[in-house]
Amino acid sequence: MIVMPRKKDSLAPAPAGPSFEDALANLEALVESMEHEQLPLEELVASYEKGSALLNHCESILKTARGRIELITLRNQNEGTLEAEPSSAQAHASPSDMEEAPNNDDDIRLF
């Protein structure tokens, strides 16, 4: 039996880089440092660049999480729709089991 490797899910979180919480903590520390310390211009620019990369990383993680949540929500909605559909026995009931629909052919009925 040949086993093929599964394709990676495009919504799966990327393993590279720090976790969201670590990246956010680093970003907050950078902002705090930039706001309250007297840093040389070169350090400020380097901190800004690092902060920008951390912000992009956090936004990417959030976008992935949002996509996964939307997928889960859609799955749940689809499962609810499937459960709400009539059973196959009801869907295939014979015409005698159901109320007869009026025949609107060109028949004329007096009563």
Protein backbone atom coordinates (compact mmCIF):
# COMPACT_ATOMS: atom_id res chain seq x y z
CA MET A 1 0.00 0.00 0.00
CA ILE A 2 1.40 3.38 -1.01
CA VAL A 3 0.71 6.24 1.35
CA MET A 4 0.82 9.73 -0.11
CA PRO A 5 1.65 12.63 2.19
CA ARG A 6 -1.26 14.94 2.85
CA LYS A 7 -1.21 18.45 1.47
CA LYS A 8 -0.76 21.16 4.02
CA ASP A 9 -3.89 23.15 4.77
CA SER A 10 -3.46 26.72 3.55
CA LEU A 11 -5.21 27.96 6.70
CA ALA A 12 -2.87 26.09 9.06
CA PRO A 13 -0.68 28.34 11.19
CA ALA A 14 2.82 28.91 9.90
CA PRO A 15 5.38 27.27 12.20
CA ALA A 16 8.04 29.94 11.51
CA GLY A 17 8.42 32.84 13.91
CA PRO A 18 7.31 33.45 17.47
CA SER A 19 3.85 32.69 18.77
CA PHE A 20 1.26 35.46 18.67
CA GLU A 21 1.61 36.10 22.40
CA ASP A 22 5.42 36.28 22.23
CA ALA A 23 5.37 38.56 19.19
CA LEU A 24 2.81 40.85 20.82
CA ALA A 25 4.82 41.02 24.07
CA ASN A 26 7.98 41.87 22.09
CA LEU A 27 6.10 44.53 20.14
CA GLU A 28 4.72 46.08 23.33
CA ALA A 29 8.22 46.11 24.88
CA LEU A 30 9.61 47.82 21.77
CA VAL A 31 6.90 50.49 21.82
CA GLU A 32 7.46 51.08 25.54
CA SER A 33 11.18 51.41 24.97
CA MET A 34 10.73 53.80 22.06
CA GLU A 35 8.29 55.99 24.00
CA HIS A 36 10.11 56.24 27.32
CA GLU A 37 13.83 55.88 26.64
CA GLN A 38 16.19 58.33 25.06
CA LEU A 39 17.40 56.17 22.18
CA PRO A 40 19.71 57.30 19.40
CA LEU A 41 18.06 57.78 16.02
CA GLU A 42 19.69 54.67 14.55
CA GLU A 43 18.29 52.52 17.40
CA LEU A 44 14.84 54.09 17.00
CA VAL A 45 14.80 53.26 13.29
CA ALA A 46 15.99 49.69 13.97
CA SER A 47 13.34 49.29 16.68
CA TYR A 48 10.68 50.66 14.34
CA GLU A 49 11.75 48.19 11.64
CA LYS A 50 11.65 45.27 14.08
CA GLY A 51 8.29 46.45 15.42
CA SER A 52 6.88 46.65 11.90
CA ALA A 53 7.95 43.06 11.22
CA LEU A 54 6.41 41.91 14.52
CA LEU A 55 3.18 43.74 13.70
CA ASN A 56 3.00 42.05 10.28
CA HIS A 57 3.63 38.69 11.92
CA CYS A 58 0.82 39.28 14.46
CA GLU A 59 -1.58 40.38 11.72
CA SER A 60 -0.73 37.28 9.68
CA ILE A 61 -1.46 35.02 12.66
CA LEU A 62 -4.75 36.83 13.30
CA LYS A 63 -5.75 36.54 9.64
CA THR A 64 -5.06 32.80 9.74
CA ALA A 65 -7.06 32.42 12.96
CA ARG A 66 -9.97 34.40 11.49
CA GLY A 67 -9.99 32.16 8.41
CA ARG A 68 -10.03 29.04 10.56
CA ILE A 69 -12.91 30.42 12.67
CA GLU A 70 -14.90 31.28 9.55
CA LEU A 71 -14.31 27.75 8.22
CA ILE A 72 -15.50 26.22 11.50
CA THR A 73 -18.56 28.47 11.47
CA LEU A 74 -19.42 27.44 7.90
CA ARG A 75 -19.02 23.77 8.79
CA ASN A 76 -21.35 24.19 11.77
CA GLN A 77 -23.91 26.02 9.64
CA ASN A 78 -23.77 23.28 6.99
CA GLU A 79 -24.21 20.57 9.60
CA GLY A 80 -27.23 22.45 11.00
CA THR A 81 -28.71 22.72 7.51
CA LEU A 82 -28.27 19.02 6.88
CA GLU A 83 -29.98 18.17 10.17
CA ALA A 84 -32.91 20.46 9.37
CA GLU A 85 -33.64 18.81 5.99
CA PRO A 86 -36.51 16.30 5.90
CA SER A 87 -35.59 12.66 6.19
CA SER A 88 -35.42 10.60 3.04
CA ALA A 89 -38.64 8.79 4.02
CA GLN A 90 -40.50 12.09 4.14
CA ALA A 91 -38.87 13.40 0.99
CA HIS A 92 -39.93 10.30 -0.98
CA ALA A 93 -43.51 9.98 0.28
CA SER A 94 -46.00 8.70 -2.25
CA PRO A 95 -48.57 11.10 -3.73
CA SER A 96 -51.38 9.36 -1.86
CA ASP A 97 -49.63 10.20 1.43
CA MET A 98 -49.52 13.88 0.55
CA GLU A 99 -52.40 16.26 0.00
CA GLU A 100 -53.35 16.35 -3.66
CA ALA A 101 -52.44 19.55 -5.44
CA PRO A 102 -55.13 21.05 -7.64
CA ASN A 103 -54.78 20.20 -11.29
CA ASN A 104 -54.81 23.45 -13.24
CA ASP A 105 -54.92 21.95 -16.67
CA ASP A 106 -57.66 23.27 -18.90
CA ASP A 107 -60.43 21.43 -17.00
CA ILE A 108 -63.55 23.36 -16.10
CA ARG A 109 -65.14 22.46 -12.79
CA LEU A 110 -68.48 23.70 -11.63
CA PHE A 111 -68.34 22.47 -8.06
